[in-house]
Amino acid sequence: MIKILFFAGLQEEIDSDSLMMESAEATVQEVKRYVQSIYPNVDLQQVIAAVNEEFSNGDDIVKSGDIIAFLPPVSGG
């Protein structure tokens, strides 16, 4: 199982801080598609992904037991 964490505005949109994905292995892009299949109104195109606390790109592999976090872009003023 892969644990998916959501931060900031994503938590509010999804109304949860985490989700589990039953998979032995997936790319970051596949995890994003999985989340969007459950929450089709959530836009993950601009989010930053981190696998086991290290920033990653869409082709990185997430394995069972890993934690992937999605962080929305930061804006300030």
PDB file of N, CA and C in Angstrom:
ATOM      1  N   MET A   1       0.841  -1.172   0.000  1.00  0.00           N
ATOM      2  CA  MET A   1       0.000   0.000   0.000  1.00  0.00           C
ATOM      3  C   MET A   1       0.893   1.244   0.000  1.00  0.00           C
ATOM      4  N   ILE A   2       0.419   2.243  -0.678  1.00  0.00           N
ATOM      5  CA  ILE A   2       1.099   3.531  -0.757  1.00  0.00           C
ATOM      6  C   ILE A   2       0.249   4.543   0.000  1.00  0.00           C
ATOM      7  N   LYS A   3       0.880   5.292   0.898  1.00  0.00           N
ATOM      8  CA  LYS A   3       0.158   6.325   1.643  1.00  0.00           C
ATOM      9  C   LYS A   3       0.326   7.649   0.910  1.00  0.00           C
ATOM     10  N   ILE A   4      -0.791   8.334   0.689  1.00  0.00           N
ATOM     11  CA  ILE A   4      -0.808   9.617  -0.009  1.00  0.00           C
ATOM     12  C   ILE A   4      -1.210  10.687   0.995  1.00  0.00           C
ATOM     13  N   LEU A   5      -0.373  11.713   1.134  1.00  0.00           N
ATOM     14  CA  LEU A   5      -0.661  12.813   2.046  1.00  0.00           C
ATOM     15  C   LEU A   5      -1.014  14.069   1.258  1.00  0.00           C
ATOM     16  N   PHE A   6      -1.922  14.862   1.803  1.00  0.00           N
ATOM     17  CA  PHE A   6      -2.345  16.121   1.182  1.00  0.00           C
ATOM     18  C   PHE A   6      -2.087  17.258   2.155  1.00  0.00           C
ATOM     19  N   PHE A   7      -1.659  18.394   1.625  1.00  0.00           N
ATOM     20  CA  PHE A   7      -1.354  19.543   2.465  1.00  0.00           C
ATOM     21  C   PHE A   7      -2.092  20.782   1.990  1.00  0.00           C
ATOM     22  N   ALA A   8      -2.238  21.725   2.910  1.00  0.00           N
ATOM     23  CA  ALA A   8      -2.807  23.055   2.663  1.00  0.00           C
ATOM     24  C   ALA A   8      -4.179  22.965   1.992  1.00  0.00           C
ATOM     25  N   GLY A   9      -4.366  23.693   0.892  1.00  0.00           N
ATOM     26  CA  GLY A   9      -5.658  23.755   0.220  1.00  0.00           C
ATOM     27  C   GLY A   9      -6.149  22.414  -0.291  1.00  0.00           C
ATOM     28  N   LEU A  10      -5.231  21.502  -0.581  1.00  0.00           N
ATOM     29  CA  LEU A  10      -5.655  20.174  -1.050  1.00  0.00           C
ATOM     30  C   LEU A  10      -6.423  19.429   0.038  1.00  0.00           C
ATOM     31  N   GLN A  11      -5.997  19.587   1.285  1.00  0.00           N
ATOM     32  CA  GLN A  11      -6.720  18.959   2.392  1.00  0.00           C
ATOM     33  C   GLN A  11      -8.155  19.453   2.437  1.00  0.00           C
ATOM     34  N   GLU A  12      -8.322  20.745   2.226  1.00  0.00           N
ATOM     35  CA  GLU A  12      -9.664  21.330   2.265  1.00  0.00           C
ATOM     36  C   GLU A  12     -10.508  20.843   1.101  1.00  0.00           C
ATOM     37  N   GLU A  13      -9.914  20.771  -0.095  1.00  0.00           N
ATOM     38  CA  GLU A  13     -10.664  20.320  -1.278  1.00  0.00           C
ATOM     39  C   GLU A  13     -11.103  18.868  -1.136  1.00  0.00           C
ATOM     40  N   ILE A  14     -10.215  18.042  -0.604  1.00  0.00           N
ATOM     41  CA  ILE A  14     -10.480  16.610  -0.499  1.00  0.00           C
ATOM     42  C   ILE A  14     -11.212  16.285   0.809  1.00  0.00           C
ATOM     43  N   ASP A  15     -11.100  17.172   1.786  1.00  0.00           N
ATOM     44  CA  ASP A  15     -11.687  16.981   3.106  1.00  0.00           C
ATOM     45  C   ASP A  15     -11.049  15.800   3.833  1.00  0.00           C
ATOM     46  N   SER A  16      -9.744  15.647   3.607  1.00  0.00           N
ATOM     47  CA  SER A  16      -8.975  14.600   4.269  1.00  0.00           C
ATOM     48  C   SER A  16      -7.503  14.952   4.150  1.00  0.00           C
ATOM     49  N   ASP A  17      -6.700  14.436   5.085  1.00  0.00           N
ATOM     50  CA  ASP A  17      -5.265  14.701   4.991  1.00  0.00           C
ATOM     51  C   ASP A  17      -4.487  13.537   4.392  1.00  0.00           C
ATOM     52  N   SER A  18      -5.177  12.398   4.162  1.00  0.00           N
ATOM     53  CA  SER A  18      -4.471  11.250   3.588  1.00  0.00           C
ATOM     54  C   SER A  18      -5.426  10.284   2.897  1.00  0.00           C
ATOM     55  N   LEU A  19      -4.803   9.393   2.141  1.00  0.00           N
ATOM     56  CA  LEU A  19      -5.535   8.390   1.366  1.00  0.00           C
ATOM     57  C   LEU A  19      -4.577   7.222   1.159  1.00  0.00           C
ATOM     58  N   MET A  20      -5.091   6.022   1.099  1.00  0.00           N
ATOM     59  CA  MET A  20      -4.260   4.843   0.831  1.00  0.00           C
ATOM     60  C   MET A  20      -4.533   4.333  -0.578  1.00  0.00           C
ATOM     61  N   MET A  21      -3.474   3.908  -1.255  1.00  0.00           N
ATOM     62  CA  MET A  21      -3.587   3.341  -2.597  1.00  0.00           C
ATOM     63  C   MET A  21      -3.061   1.910  -2.556  1.00  0.00           C
ATOM     64  N   GLU A  22      -3.909   0.980  -2.936  1.00  0.00           N
ATOM     65  CA  GLU A  22      -3.494  -0.421  -2.937  1.00  0.00           C
ATOM     66  C   GLU A  22      -2.725  -0.701  -4.218  1.00  0.00           C
ATOM     67  N   SER A  23      -1.418  -0.620  -4.116  1.00  0.00           N
ATOM     68  CA  SER A  23      -0.565  -0.866  -5.265  1.00  0.00           C
ATOM     69  C   SER A  23       0.819  -1.242  -4.760  1.00  0.00           C
ATOM     70  N   ALA A  24       1.478  -2.122  -5.473  1.00  0.00           N
ATOM     71  CA  ALA A  24       2.840  -2.495  -5.109  1.00  0.00           C
ATOM     72  C   ALA A  24       3.835  -1.484  -5.646  1.00  0.00           C
ATOM     73  N   GLU A  25       3.463  -0.821  -6.757  1.00  0.00           N
ATOM     74  CA  GLU A  25       4.379   0.111  -7.396  1.00  0.00           C
ATOM     75  C   GLU A  25       3.609   0.978  -8.386  1.00  0.00           C
ATOM     76  N   ALA A  26       3.962   2.255  -8.457  1.00  0.00           N
ATOM     77  CA  ALA A  26       3.325   3.172  -9.400  1.00  0.00           C
ATOM     78  C   ALA A  26       4.240   4.377  -9.590  1.00  0.00           C
ATOM     79  N   THR A  27       4.090   5.056 -10.723  1.00  0.00           N
ATOM     80  CA  THR A  27       4.810   6.310 -10.897  1.00  0.00           C
ATOM     81  C   THR A  27       4.039   7.415 -10.180  1.00  0.00           C
ATOM     82  N   VAL A  28       4.698   8.540  -9.979  1.00  0.00           N
ATOM     83  CA  VAL A  28       4.031   9.694  -9.377  1.00  0.00           C
ATOM     84  C   VAL A  28       2.822  10.081 -10.223  1.00  0.00           C
ATOM     85  N   GLN A  29       2.958  10.058 -11.543  1.00  0.00           N
ATOM     86  CA  GLN A  29       1.835  10.396 -12.432  1.00  0.00           C
ATOM     87  C   GLN A  29       0.671   9.425 -12.249  1.00  0.00           C
ATOM     88  N   GLU A  30       0.968   8.157 -12.081  1.00  0.00           N
ATOM     89  CA  GLU A  30      -0.102   7.169 -11.873  1.00  0.00           C
ATOM     90  C   GLU A  30      -0.821   7.413 -10.540  1.00  0.00           C
ATOM     91  N   VAL A  31      -0.077   7.820  -9.521  1.00  0.00           N
ATOM     92  CA  VAL A  31      -0.704   8.141  -8.239  1.00  0.00           C
ATOM     93  C   VAL A  31      -1.619   9.355  -8.409  1.00  0.00           C
ATOM     94  N   LYS A  32      -1.152  10.362  -9.147  1.00  0.00           N
ATOM     95  CA  LYS A  32      -1.993  11.533  -9.409  1.00  0.00           C
ATOM     96  C   LYS A  32      -3.280  11.133 -10.122  1.00  0.00           C
ATOM     97  N   ARG A  33      -3.169  10.257 -11.122  1.00  0.00           N
ATOM     98  CA  ARG A  33      -4.365   9.812 -11.846  1.00  0.00           C
ATOM     99  C   ARG A  33      -5.309   9.050 -10.914  1.00  0.00           C
ATOM    100  N   TYR A  34      -4.755   8.257 -10.012  1.00  0.00           N
ATOM    101  CA  TYR A  34      -5.572   7.528  -9.051  1.00  0.00           C
ATOM    102  C   TYR A  34      -6.367   8.513  -8.177  1.00  0.00           C
ATOM    103  N   VAL A  35      -5.679   9.526  -7.649  1.00  0.00           N
ATOM    104  CA  VAL A  35      -6.356  10.522  -6.812  1.00  0.00           C
ATOM    105  C   VAL A  35      -7.442  11.228  -7.612  1.00  0.00           C
ATOM    106  N   GLN A  36      -7.137  11.594  -8.851  1.00  0.00           N
ATOM    107  CA  GLN A  36      -8.125  12.302  -9.667  1.00  0.00           C
ATOM    108  C   GLN A  36      -9.282  11.403 -10.083  1.00  0.00           C
ATOM    109  N   SER A  37      -9.097  10.094 -10.097  1.00  0.00           N
ATOM    110  CA  SER A  37     -10.220   9.198 -10.391  1.00  0.00           C
ATOM    111  C   SER A  37     -11.213   9.187  -9.230  1.00  0.00           C
ATOM    112  N   ILE A  38     -10.720   9.438  -8.026  1.00  0.00           N
ATOM    113  CA  ILE A  38     -11.579   9.485  -6.849  1.00  0.00           C
ATOM    114  C   ILE A  38     -12.143  10.893  -6.638  1.00  0.00           C
ATOM    115  N   TYR A  39     -11.305  11.888  -6.885  1.00  0.00           N
ATOM    116  CA  TYR A  39     -11.679  13.302  -6.702  1.00  0.00           C
ATOM    117  C   TYR A  39     -11.473  14.039  -8.021  1.00  0.00           C
ATOM    118  N   PRO A  40     -12.394  13.898  -8.971  1.00  0.00           N
ATOM    119  CA  PRO A  40     -12.194  14.460 -10.313  1.00  0.00           C
ATOM    120  C   PRO A  40     -12.116  15.992 -10.353  1.00  0.00           C
ATOM    121  N   ASN A  41     -12.590  16.672  -9.343  1.00  0.00           N
ATOM    122  CA  ASN A  41     -12.551  18.137  -9.350  1.00  0.00           C
ATOM    123  C   ASN A  41     -11.248  18.704  -8.782  1.00  0.00           C
ATOM    124  N   VAL A  42     -10.376  17.848  -8.286  1.00  0.00           N
ATOM    125  CA  VAL A  42      -9.112  18.306  -7.718  1.00  0.00           C
ATOM    126  C   VAL A  42      -8.056  18.366  -8.821  1.00  0.00           C
ATOM    127  N   ASP A  43      -7.439  19.532  -8.959  1.00  0.00           N
ATOM    128  CA  ASP A  43      -6.416  19.730  -9.986  1.00  0.00           C
ATOM    129  C   ASP A  43      -5.038  19.485  -9.379  1.00  0.00           C
ATOM    130  N   LEU A  44      -4.360  18.470  -9.852  1.00  0.00           N
ATOM    131  CA  LEU A  44      -3.029  18.135  -9.346  1.00  0.00           C
ATOM    132  C   LEU A  44      -1.926  18.477 -10.344  1.00  0.00           C
ATOM    133  N   GLN A  45      -2.241  19.220 -11.384  1.00  0.00           N
ATOM    134  CA  GLN A  45      -1.255  19.532 -12.426  1.00  0.00           C
ATOM    135  C   GLN A  45      -0.088  20.353 -11.896  1.00  0.00           C
ATOM    136  N   GLN A  46      -0.353  21.289 -10.992  1.00  0.00           N
ATOM    137  CA  GLN A  46       0.699  22.194 -10.521  1.00  0.00           C
ATOM    138  C   GLN A  46       1.248  21.836  -9.136  1.00  0.00           C
ATOM    139  N   VAL A  47       0.819  20.717  -8.564  1.00  0.00           N
ATOM    140  CA  VAL A  47       1.285  20.370  -7.221  1.00  0.00           C
ATOM    141  C   VAL A  47       2.723  19.875  -7.253  1.00  0.00           C
ATOM    142  N   ILE A  48       3.381  20.025  -6.131  1.00  0.00           N
ATOM    143  CA  ILE A  48       4.727  19.503  -5.943  1.00  0.00           C
ATOM    144  C   ILE A  48       4.572  18.150  -5.257  1.00  0.00           C
ATOM    145  N   ALA A  49       5.288  17.160  -5.751  1.00  0.00           N
ATOM    146  CA  ALA A  49       5.225  15.826  -5.152  1.00  0.00           C
ATOM    147  C   ALA A  49       6.542  15.532  -4.425  1.00  0.00           C
ATOM    148  N   ALA A  50       6.411  14.878  -3.290  1.00  0.00           N
ATOM    149  CA  ALA A  50       7.578  14.431  -2.539  1.00  0.00           C
ATOM    150  C   ALA A  50       7.353  12.969  -2.166  1.00  0.00           C
ATOM    151  N   VAL A  51       8.338  12.142  -2.439  1.00  0.00           N
ATOM    152  CA  VAL A  51       8.266  10.724  -2.094  1.00  0.00           C
ATOM    153  C   VAL A  51       9.264  10.490  -0.967  1.00  0.00           C
ATOM    154  N   ASN A  52       8.746  10.004   0.158  1.00  0.00           N
ATOM    155  CA  ASN A  52       9.582   9.781   1.340  1.00  0.00           C
ATOM    156  C   ASN A  52      10.401  11.021   1.680  1.00  0.00           C
ATOM    157  N   GLU A  53       9.733  12.178   1.638  1.00  0.00           N
ATOM    158  CA  GLU A  53      10.285  13.475   2.026  1.00  0.00           C
ATOM    159  C   GLU A  53      11.360  14.008   1.078  1.00  0.00           C
ATOM    160  N   GLU A  54      11.412  13.500  -0.150  1.00  0.00           N
ATOM    161  CA  GLU A  54      12.325  14.033  -1.150  1.00  0.00           C
ATOM    162  C   GLU A  54      11.521  14.419  -2.380  1.00  0.00           C
ATOM    163  N   PHE A  55      11.736  15.652  -2.862  1.00  0.00           N
ATOM    164  CA  PHE A  55      11.009  16.106  -4.040  1.00  0.00           C
ATOM    165  C   PHE A  55      11.233  15.145  -5.197  1.00  0.00           C
ATOM    166  N   SER A  56      10.201  14.957  -6.014  1.00  0.00           N
ATOM    167  CA  SER A  56      10.287  13.989  -7.105  1.00  0.00           C
ATOM    168  C   SER A  56       9.593  14.535  -8.340  1.00  0.00           C
ATOM    169  N   ASN A  57       9.798  13.841  -9.447  1.00  0.00           N
ATOM    170  CA  ASN A  57       9.112  14.220 -10.680  1.00  0.00           C
ATOM    171  C   ASN A  57       8.098  13.137 -11.041  1.00  0.00           C
ATOM    172  N   GLY A  58       7.374  13.339 -12.106  1.00  0.00           N
ATOM    173  CA  GLY A  58       6.285  12.448 -12.483  1.00  0.00           C
ATOM    174  C   GLY A  58       6.680  11.040 -12.845  1.00  0.00           C
ATOM    175  N   ASP A  59       7.952  10.833 -13.203  1.00  0.00           N
ATOM    176  CA  ASP A  59       8.404   9.505 -13.607  1.00  0.00           C
ATOM    177  C   ASP A  59       8.977   8.680 -12.460  1.00  0.00           C
ATOM    178  N   ASP A  60       9.152   9.305 -11.308  1.00  0.00           N
ATOM    179  CA  ASP A  60       9.706   8.573 -10.171  1.00  0.00           C
ATOM    180  C   ASP A  60       8.749   7.472  -9.734  1.00  0.00           C
ATOM    181  N   ILE A  61       9.316   6.392  -9.233  1.00  0.00           N
ATOM    182  CA  ILE A  61       8.531   5.229  -8.816  1.00  0.00           C
ATOM    183  C   ILE A  61       8.234   5.311  -7.319  1.00  0.00           C
ATOM    184  N   VAL A  62       6.980   5.043  -6.989  1.00  0.00           N
ATOM    185  CA  VAL A  62       6.526   4.959  -5.605  1.00  0.00           C
ATOM    186  C   VAL A  62       6.214   3.490  -5.349  1.00  0.00           C
ATOM    187  N   LYS A  63       6.786   2.943  -4.278  1.00  0.00           N
ATOM    188  CA  LYS A  63       6.609   1.519  -3.976  1.00  0.00           C
ATOM    189  C   LYS A  63       5.761   1.335  -2.726  1.00  0.00           C
ATOM    190  N   SER A  64       5.255   0.133  -2.568  1.00  0.00           N
ATOM    191  CA  SER A  64       4.478  -0.205  -1.386  1.00  0.00           C
ATOM    192  C   SER A  64       5.283   0.127  -0.136  1.00  0.00           C
ATOM    193  N   GLY A  65       4.647   0.808   0.808  1.00  0.00           N
ATOM    194  CA  GLY A  65       5.320   1.231   2.028  1.00  0.00           C
ATOM    195  C   GLY A  65       5.839   2.655   1.957  1.00  0.00           C
ATOM    196  N   ASP A  66       5.903   3.222   0.745  1.00  0.00           N
ATOM    197  CA  ASP A  66       6.349   4.606   0.578  1.00  0.00           C
ATOM    198  C   ASP A  66       5.225   5.570   0.942  1.00  0.00           C
ATOM    199  N   ILE A  67       5.630   6.805   1.198  1.00  0.00           N
ATOM    200  CA  ILE A  67       4.685   7.892   1.450  1.00  0.00           C
ATOM    201  C   ILE A  67       4.917   8.953   0.402  1.00  0.00           C
ATOM    202  N   ILE A  68       3.859   9.312  -0.301  1.00  0.00           N
ATOM    203  CA  ILE A  68       3.936  10.393  -1.279  1.00  0.00           C
ATOM    204  C   ILE A  68       3.075  11.550  -0.769  1.00  0.00           C
ATOM    205  N   ALA A  69       3.655  12.738  -0.827  1.00  0.00           N
ATOM    206  CA  ALA A  69       2.945  13.930  -0.361  1.00  0.00           C
ATOM    207  C   ALA A  69       2.724  14.865  -1.533  1.00  0.00           C
ATOM    208  N   PHE A  70       1.542  15.457  -1.596  1.00  0.00           N
ATOM    209  CA  PHE A  70       1.221  16.449  -2.611  1.00  0.00           C
ATOM    210  C   PHE A  70       1.067  17.798  -1.921  1.00  0.00           C
ATOM    211  N   LEU A  71       1.857  18.762  -2.394  1.00  0.00           N
ATOM    212  CA  LEU A  71       1.840  20.109  -1.834  1.00  0.00           C
ATOM    213  C   LEU A  71       1.439  21.081  -2.931  1.00  0.00           C
ATOM    214  N   PRO A  72       0.415  21.885  -2.682  1.00  0.00           N
ATOM    215  CA  PRO A  72       0.005  22.848  -3.708  1.00  0.00           C
ATOM    216  C   PRO A  72       1.062  23.935  -3.846  1.00  0.00           C
ATOM    217  N   PRO A  73       1.071  24.639  -4.976  1.00  0.00           N
ATOM    218  CA  PRO A  73       2.027  25.729  -5.146  1.00  0.00           C
ATOM    219  C   PRO A  73       1.825  26.797  -4.070  1.00  0.00           C
ATOM    220  N   VAL A  74       2.909  27.392  -3.665  1.00  0.00           N
ATOM    221  CA  VAL A  74       2.865  28.403  -2.619  1.00  0.00           C
ATOM    222  C   VAL A  74       2.758  29.777  -3.268  1.00  0.00           C
ATOM    223  N   SER A  75       1.871  30.566  -2.733  1.00  0.00           N
ATOM    224  CA  SER A  75       1.777  31.955  -3.202  1.00  0.00           C
ATOM    225  C   SER A  75       1.885  32.858  -1.987  1.00  0.00           C
ATOM    226  N   GLY A  76       2.357  34.016  -2.209  1.00  0.00           N
ATOM    227  CA  GLY A  76       2.528  34.934  -1.093  1.00  0.00           C
ATOM    228  C   GLY A  76       2.264  36.360  -1.518  1.00  0.00           C
ATOM    229  N   GLY A  77       2.384  37.207  -0.591  1.00  0.00           N
ATOM    230  CA  GLY A  77       2.146  38.591  -0.921  1.00  0.00           C
ATOM    231  C   GLY A  77       2.735  39.526   0.084  1.00  0.00           C
TER     232      GLY A  77
END
